Amino acid sequence: MAQASVKPIPILKDELDIVIPTIRNLDFLEMWRPFFEQYHLIIVQDGDPSKIIKVPQGFDYELYNRNDINRILGPKSSCISFKDSACRCFGYMVSKKKYIYTIDDDCFVAKDPSGKSINALEQHIKNLLSPSTPFFFNTLYDPYTEGADFVRGYPFSLREGAPTAVSHGLWLNIPDYDAPTQLVKPRERNTRYVDAVLTIPKGTLFPMCGMNLGFNRELIGPAMYFGLMGDGQPIGRYDDMWAGWCVKVICDHLGYGVKTGLPYIWHSKASNPFVNLKKEYNGIFWQEEAIPFFQSVILPKECTNVQKCYIELSKQVKEKLGKVDPYFNKLADAMVTWIEAWDELNPSGANSDKLPNGPTK
């Protein structure tokens, strides 16, 4: 008798959750089936909770809608955005795994220059499981990848590297542009495949895009708050940017690394630039104040873990950015609420395997 073929167990199968925010049926998972099927999915349904979201058969998933979020977090649910993909961070909070990969539902499997389908998740895992080099730049990029090493003149004392907290992937086809750039370059497509992974140096901020992102939840999870965006808020499309600025400042303080580059996904469709402009309008002005703020933030040495760093950051946001617009006072309060909710669902040292209420299935 012929033996049935056994699928190889993928790396970190029981240590990683895939978080997907959505308002639609998840047909896009079919093309990701070879890479995602053996992992656990956390789907965060945005918008109308009475709408039924269809998930292809064979996937192991839990699905949370707004009613679930309100039931699980109670009054603290005010910190989770509505009608905005920022709601994805609720999935980070309820996960019990060490690693998270988050992807948007308009991101498809890309092909490398040889025509081979790219297993984005596998590359993120490689990035996260190898060290980063935030304290000294290696001109051959990631020295831990096959076929590379530290170049002449790289200090031997720094070659152990730092733990990697974040793996930031990129996109072929539709680039992640802001509305003004979209309007000026409506037909521009990214066709450049750069076979490289870089560590972003300590002290350097970057624009973090949440549509193809991996991170070590145990190292940096509580800082991955995507802010107050969307319904009832004066800003949108800055959720991942805000999280990225906060995360980078905290990683720099705690000695963790952030990588960017491979893997690529295929970003299938451009969002409406006029709708985007309406969402981004305030952010385009406010970022000119927010970025210098983050560039100058100093966290005291008493901030020895992510939660302490984040609470301190919220105080400084209120003090410095509250003058820019009252929205930042509201955001600073939400940052504190987020940490309180995180700690409630993730009590350190306690048996935290069960949520107060389960998801909708």
Protein backbone atom coordinates (compact mmCIF):
# COMPACT_ATOMS: atom_id res chain seq x y z
CA MET A 1 0.00 0.00 0.00
CA ALA A 2 1.25 3.46 -0.88
CA GLN A 3 1.83 5.65 2.13
CA ALA A 4 -0.07 8.94 2.32
CA SER A 5 2.29 11.86 1.98
CA VAL A 6 2.85 13.66 5.26
CA LYS A 7 3.20 17.41 5.14
CA PRO A 8 6.40 18.61 6.80
CA ILE A 9 5.72 20.50 10.03
CA PRO A 10 6.50 24.17 9.34
CA ILE A 11 8.92 26.07 11.52
CA LEU A 12 7.41 27.71 14.64
CA LYS A 13 4.03 26.09 13.87
CA ASP A 14 2.98 26.23 17.54
CA GLU A 15 4.74 29.48 18.35
CA LEU A 16 3.29 31.85 15.77
CA ASP A 17 -0.13 33.36 15.03
CA ILE A 18 -1.13 35.02 11.76
CA VAL A 19 -3.29 38.10 12.38
CA ILE A 20 -5.55 39.39 9.58
CA PRO A 21 -7.86 42.42 9.82
CA THR A 22 -10.73 42.32 7.32
CA ILE A 23 -14.19 43.46 6.28
CA ARG A 24 -14.63 40.83 3.53
CA ASN A 25 -14.54 37.12 2.76
CA LEU A 26 -10.99 35.76 2.94
CA ASP A 27 -10.75 34.15 -0.49
CA PHE A 28 -7.18 35.47 -0.73
CA LEU A 29 -6.14 32.74 1.73
CA GLU A 30 -6.45 30.14 -1.03
CA MET A 31 -3.24 31.33 -2.66
CA TRP A 32 -1.49 31.39 0.73
CA ARG A 33 -2.71 27.88 1.62
CA PRO A 34 0.66 26.13 1.01
CA PHE A 35 2.33 28.56 3.43
CA PHE A 36 -0.39 29.36 6.01
CA GLU A 37 -2.58 26.28 6.29
CA GLN A 38 -0.73 24.68 9.20
CA TYR A 39 -0.59 27.85 11.27
CA HIS A 40 -3.26 29.32 13.56
CA LEU A 41 -5.04 32.43 12.25
CA ILE A 42 -6.55 35.25 14.30
CA ILE A 43 -9.05 37.17 12.17
CA VAL A 44 -10.19 40.58 13.42
CA GLN A 45 -13.41 41.54 11.66
CA ASP A 46 -13.86 45.29 11.29
CA GLY A 47 -17.12 47.10 10.58
CA ASP A 48 -20.57 45.54 10.91
CA PRO A 49 -20.34 42.60 13.35
CA SER A 50 -23.51 41.02 11.95
CA LYS A 51 -21.84 40.44 8.58
CA ILE A 52 -20.69 36.86 8.05
CA ILE A 53 -17.06 36.55 6.99
CA LYS A 54 -16.33 33.38 5.01
CA VAL A 55 -13.00 31.65 5.57
CA PRO A 56 -11.87 28.89 3.17
CA GLN A 57 -12.11 25.37 4.57
CA GLY A 58 -9.11 23.74 6.17
CA PHE A 59 -7.75 26.74 8.05
CA ASP A 60 -7.44 26.75 11.83
CA TYR A 61 -8.75 30.13 12.96
CA GLU A 62 -10.57 32.18 15.55
CA LEU A 63 -12.55 35.23 14.49
CA TYR A 64 -13.29 38.28 16.63
CA ASN A 65 -15.79 40.98 15.67
CA ARG A 66 -16.63 44.25 17.42
CA ASN A 67 -19.09 42.58 19.77
CA ASP A 68 -16.35 40.19 20.91
CA ILE A 69 -13.90 43.04 21.43
CA ASN A 70 -16.47 44.94 23.53
CA ARG A 71 -17.31 41.83 25.56
CA ILE A 72 -13.70 40.82 26.21
CA LEU A 73 -12.30 44.28 26.99
CA GLY A 74 -15.38 45.99 28.44
CA PRO A 75 -14.84 49.76 28.83
CA LYS A 76 -11.21 49.32 27.75
CA SER A 77 -12.41 48.43 24.25
CA SER A 78 -12.38 52.19 23.63
CA CYS A 79 -8.66 51.86 22.82
CA ILE A 80 -9.35 49.59 19.80
CA SER A 81 -10.06 51.49 16.57
CA PHE A 82 -13.28 50.93 14.62
CA LYS A 83 -13.65 51.04 10.83
CA ASP A 84 -9.89 51.02 10.40
CA SER A 85 -7.34 48.24 9.96
CA ALA A 86 -5.76 49.48 13.22
CA CYS A 87 -8.19 47.04 14.86
CA ARG A 88 -5.65 44.31 13.99
CA CYS A 89 -3.73 45.05 17.19
CA PHE A 90 -6.54 43.41 19.17
CA GLY A 91 -5.30 40.18 17.61
CA TYR A 92 -1.83 40.83 19.01
CA MET A 93 -3.33 41.26 22.46
CA VAL A 94 -5.38 38.04 22.51
CA SER A 95 -2.66 35.86 20.95
CA LYS A 96 -0.75 33.61 23.31
CA LYS A 97 2.10 32.89 20.90
CA LYS A 98 5.66 34.18 20.91
CA TYR A 99 5.58 35.48 17.33
CA ILE A 100 3.05 37.34 15.19
CA TYR A 101 2.82 37.72 11.42
CA THR A 102 0.22 40.20 10.17
CA ILE A 103 -0.88 40.60 6.57
CA ASP A 104 -3.62 42.54 4.74
CA ASP A 105 -6.27 40.76 2.69
CA ASP A 106 -5.19 42.49 -0.54
CA CYS A 107 -1.67 41.08 -0.28
CA PHE A 108 -1.00 38.13 -2.57
CA VAL A 109 1.92 35.72 -3.03
CA ALA A 110 4.76 37.43 -4.93
CA LYS A 111 7.32 35.79 -7.17
CA ASP A 112 11.08 36.28 -6.97
CA PRO A 113 13.07 37.13 -10.15
CA SER A 114 13.43 33.42 -10.96
CA GLY A 115 9.63 33.03 -10.97
CA LYS A 116 9.46 31.08 -7.71
CA SER A 117 6.61 31.84 -5.28
CA ILE A 118 7.92 33.65 -2.21
CA ASN A 119 7.10 32.12 1.18
CA ALA A 120 6.92 35.47 2.99
CA LEU A 121 6.23 33.89 6.37
CA GLU A 122 9.32 31.67 6.18
CA GLN A 123 11.55 34.68 5.44
CA HIS A 124 10.05 36.69 8.33
CA ILE A 125 10.79 33.78 10.64
CA LYS A 126 14.40 33.66 9.39
CA ASN A 127 14.71 37.39 10.05
CA LEU A 128 13.27 37.09 13.56
CA LEU A 129 15.31 34.04 14.58
CA SER A 130 18.64 35.59 13.59
CA PRO A 131 20.22 38.59 15.38
CA SER A 132 20.19 42.21 14.23
CA THR A 133 23.05 44.70 13.99
CA PRO A 134 21.59 48.04 15.22
CA PHE A 135 24.81 49.40 16.74
CA PHE A 136 27.14 49.23 13.72
CA PHE A 137 26.12 49.04 10.06
CA ASN A 138 27.36 46.07 8.02
CA THR A 139 27.86 47.09 4.37
CA LEU A 140 27.04 43.54 3.18
CA TYR A 141 23.65 43.99 4.90
CA ASP A 142 22.52 41.01 6.98
CA PRO A 143 25.73 39.20 7.99
CA TYR A 144 23.81 36.19 9.32
CA THR A 145 22.26 35.27 5.98
CA GLU A 146 23.73 32.53 3.81
CA GLY A 147 26.58 33.77 1.62
CA ALA A 148 27.29 36.90 3.70
CA ASP A 149 29.34 37.76 6.77
CA PHE A 150 30.74 40.69 8.70
CA VAL A 151 33.03 42.81 6.56
CA ARG A 152 36.59 43.85 7.39
CA GLY A 153 36.59 46.53 10.07
CA TYR A 154 33.42 45.35 11.79
CA PRO A 155 34.08 45.23 15.56
CA PHE A 156 34.36 41.67 16.85
CA SER A 157 32.78 42.78 20.12
CA LEU A 158 29.51 43.54 18.28
CA ARG A 159 29.31 40.43 16.11
CA GLU A 160 26.92 38.59 18.41
CA GLY A 161 24.34 41.18 17.42
CA ALA A 162 21.11 42.03 19.24
CA PRO A 163 17.79 40.15 19.54
CA THR A 164 15.50 40.90 16.59
CA ALA A 165 12.12 42.30 17.64
CA VAL A 166 10.64 43.29 14.26
CA SER A 167 10.83 42.03 10.66
CA HIS A 168 9.39 44.61 8.25
CA GLY A 169 8.63 43.22 4.79
CA LEU A 170 8.08 45.08 1.51
CA TRP A 171 5.72 44.98 -1.48
CA LEU A 172 5.88 44.51 -5.23
CA ASN A 173 3.32 46.13 -7.55
CA ILE A 174 1.44 48.84 -5.57
CA PRO A 175 3.92 50.70 -3.35
CA ASP A 176 2.87 51.97 0.08
CA TYR A 177 2.66 55.66 -0.88
CA ASP A 178 0.82 58.48 0.85
CA ALA A 179 -2.08 60.21 -0.92
CA PRO A 180 -0.13 63.18 -2.38
CA THR A 181 2.42 60.80 -3.93
CA GLN A 182 -0.37 58.52 -5.20
CA LEU A 183 -2.01 61.51 -6.89
CA VAL A 184 1.24 62.62 -8.55
CA LYS A 185 2.23 59.09 -9.63
CA PRO A 186 -1.02 57.19 -10.19
CA ARG A 187 0.52 54.60 -12.53
CA GLU A 188 3.74 53.95 -10.64
CA ARG A 189 4.39 50.32 -9.72
CA ASN A 190 7.24 48.84 -7.74
CA THR A 191 9.00 46.25 -9.90
CA ARG A 192 12.36 46.40 -8.11
CA TYR A 193 13.16 43.22 -6.21
CA VAL A 194 16.10 43.95 -3.91
CA ASP A 195 17.52 40.76 -2.42
CA ALA A 196 18.55 42.23 0.91
CA VAL A 197 17.67 42.50 4.59
CA LEU A 198 18.98 45.48 6.54
CA THR A 199 18.99 46.32 10.24
CA ILE A 200 17.70 49.87 10.78
CA PRO A 201 20.45 51.60 12.80
CA LYS A 202 19.88 52.67 16.39
CA GLY A 203 18.62 56.24 16.53
CA THR A 204 17.00 56.09 13.09
CA LEU A 205 13.21 56.10 12.72
CA PHE A 206 11.41 54.49 9.79
CA PRO A 207 7.88 54.37 8.30
CA MET A 208 6.52 51.00 9.41
CA CYS A 209 3.88 49.47 7.14
CA GLY A 210 1.57 46.94 8.82
CA MET A 211 0.52 44.97 5.74
CA ASN A 212 3.49 42.52 5.71
CA LEU A 213 4.99 42.55 9.19
CA GLY A 214 6.45 40.04 11.63
CA PHE A 215 7.45 40.61 15.23
CA ASN A 216 8.49 38.89 18.44
CA ARG A 217 5.45 39.39 20.66
CA GLU A 218 7.36 38.47 23.82
CA LEU A 219 10.01 41.11 23.15
CA ILE A 220 7.94 44.04 21.85
CA GLY A 221 4.24 43.07 21.80
CA PRO A 222 2.88 45.65 24.28
CA ALA A 223 4.34 48.49 22.15
CA MET A 224 2.58 47.28 18.95
CA TYR A 225 -0.44 49.48 19.55
CA PHE A 226 -1.87 50.86 16.32
CA GLY A 227 -3.41 53.91 17.97
CA LEU A 228 -6.82 55.56 17.67
CA MET A 229 -7.77 55.78 14.01
CA GLY A 230 -10.82 55.63 11.77
CA ASP A 231 -14.38 56.09 13.00
CA GLY A 232 -14.76 59.15 15.25
CA GLN A 233 -11.08 60.11 14.98
CA PRO A 234 -9.53 63.04 13.08
CA ILE A 235 -6.89 60.84 11.42
CA GLY A 236 -6.42 57.55 9.59
CA ARG A 237 -3.65 55.63 7.78
CA TYR A 238 -1.14 56.52 10.49
CA ASP A 239 -1.87 53.51 12.70
CA ASP A 240 1.19 51.50 11.65
CA MET A 241 3.33 54.65 11.46
CA TRP A 242 2.52 55.50 15.08
CA ALA A 243 3.24 51.95 16.20
CA GLY A 244 6.52 51.96 14.26
CA TRP A 245 7.77 55.18 15.84
CA CYS A 246 6.90 53.95 19.34
CA VAL A 247 8.37 50.51 18.72
CA LYS A 248 11.65 51.84 17.30
CA VAL A 249 12.25 54.22 20.20
CA ILE A 250 11.59 51.40 22.68
CA CYS A 251 13.71 48.86 20.76
CA ASP A 252 16.58 51.36 20.74
CA HIS A 253 16.22 51.86 24.49
CA LEU A 254 16.03 48.14 25.33
CA GLY A 255 18.72 47.05 22.85
CA TYR A 256 16.57 45.19 20.32
CA GLY A 257 16.89 45.22 16.54
CA VAL A 258 14.48 46.03 13.69
CA LYS A 259 15.02 44.59 10.21
CA THR A 260 13.55 45.70 6.87
CA GLY A 261 13.72 44.33 3.32
CA LEU A 262 12.84 40.76 2.36
CA PRO A 263 10.25 39.27 2.16
CA TYR A 264 8.13 40.79 -0.59
CA ILE A 265 4.41 40.26 -1.05
CA TRP A 266 2.33 41.32 -4.11
CA HIS A 267 0.19 44.30 -3.12
CA SER A 268 -2.76 43.83 -5.45
CA LYS A 269 -4.76 47.03 -5.39
CA ALA A 270 -4.28 50.74 -4.80
CA SER A 271 -6.66 52.41 -2.37
CA ASN A 272 -8.49 55.57 -3.46
CA PRO A 273 -6.06 58.53 -3.17
CA PHE A 274 -8.86 61.04 -2.53
CA VAL A 275 -10.27 58.96 0.33
CA ASN A 276 -6.71 58.50 1.61
CA LEU A 277 -6.04 62.23 1.49
CA LYS A 278 -9.08 62.88 3.65
CA LYS A 279 -7.81 60.32 6.19
CA GLU A 280 -4.19 61.48 6.09
CA TYR A 281 -4.75 65.22 5.92
CA ASN A 282 -4.09 65.98 9.60
CA GLY A 283 -1.34 63.39 9.83
CA ILE A 284 0.62 64.99 7.02
CA PHE A 285 0.88 68.14 9.13
CA TRP A 286 1.18 66.47 12.51
CA GLN A 287 4.01 64.14 11.48
CA GLU A 288 6.27 67.17 11.08
CA GLU A 289 5.87 67.67 14.85
CA ALA A 290 5.59 64.02 15.86
CA ILE A 291 8.78 62.81 14.16
CA PRO A 292 11.09 65.38 15.82
CA PHE A 293 9.39 64.45 19.11
CA PHE A 294 10.26 60.76 18.66
CA GLN A 295 13.76 61.64 17.48
CA SER A 296 14.39 63.49 20.74
CA VAL A 297 12.60 61.15 23.18
CA ILE A 298 14.78 59.92 26.04
CA LEU A 299 13.46 57.06 28.16
CA PRO A 300 14.85 56.94 31.72
CA LYS A 301 16.90 53.93 32.81
CA GLU A 302 14.09 52.94 35.20
CA CYS A 303 12.14 51.88 32.10
CA THR A 304 13.34 48.28 32.09
CA ASN A 305 10.49 46.61 30.20
CA VAL A 306 8.20 47.43 27.28
CA GLN A 307 5.19 48.35 29.44
CA LYS A 308 7.19 50.83 31.55
CA CYS A 309 8.67 52.35 28.38
CA TYR A 310 5.24 52.68 26.80
CA ILE A 311 3.62 54.32 29.83
CA GLU A 312 6.53 56.78 29.99
CA LEU A 313 6.14 57.46 26.27
CA SER A 314 2.43 58.16 26.76
CA LYS A 315 3.27 60.78 29.41
CA GLN A 316 5.71 62.49 27.05
CA VAL A 317 3.18 62.35 24.19
CA LYS A 318 0.64 64.14 26.35
CA GLU A 319 3.18 66.70 27.56
CA LYS A 320 4.80 67.51 24.19
CA LEU A 321 2.31 66.60 21.46
CA GLY A 322 -0.81 67.58 23.41
CA LYS A 323 0.08 71.17 22.46
CA VAL A 324 -0.10 70.27 18.77
CA ASP A 325 -3.70 69.04 18.92
CA PRO A 326 -6.08 67.76 21.67
CA TYR A 327 -6.20 64.45 19.76
CA PHE A 328 -2.79 63.57 21.21
CA ASN A 329 -4.13 63.85 24.77
CA LYS A 330 -6.83 61.35 23.82
CA LEU A 331 -4.25 59.12 22.14
CA ALA A 332 -1.95 59.26 25.19
CA ASP A 333 -4.84 58.13 27.41
CA ALA A 334 -5.63 55.32 24.97
CA MET A 335 -1.98 54.20 25.13
CA VAL A 336 -2.36 53.73 28.89
CA THR A 337 -5.70 51.92 28.45
CA TRP A 338 -4.06 49.63 25.89
CA ILE A 339 -1.32 48.62 28.35
CA GLU A 340 -3.88 48.03 31.10
CA ALA A 341 -5.93 45.83 28.75
CA TRP A 342 -2.78 44.00 27.57
CA ASP A 343 -1.73 43.23 31.15
CA GLU A 344 -5.25 42.09 32.02
CA LEU A 345 -5.31 39.55 29.18
CA ASN A 346 -1.64 38.64 29.58
CA PRO A 347 -0.92 38.41 33.30
CA SER A 348 2.77 37.64 33.72
CA GLY A 349 3.46 34.31 35.36
CA ALA A 350 -0.24 33.43 35.63
CA ASN A 351 -2.15 30.87 33.63
CA SER A 352 -3.18 33.11 30.74
CA ASP A 353 -4.31 30.48 28.27
CA LYS A 354 -7.98 31.41 28.42
CA LEU A 355 -9.79 34.59 27.54
CA PRO A 356 -12.66 35.86 29.72
CA ASN A 357 -14.96 35.18 26.74
CA GLY A 358 -14.16 33.24 23.60
CA PRO A 359 -14.34 34.51 20.03
CA THR A 360 -17.16 34.19 17.55
CA LYS A 361 -16.59 31.09 15.43
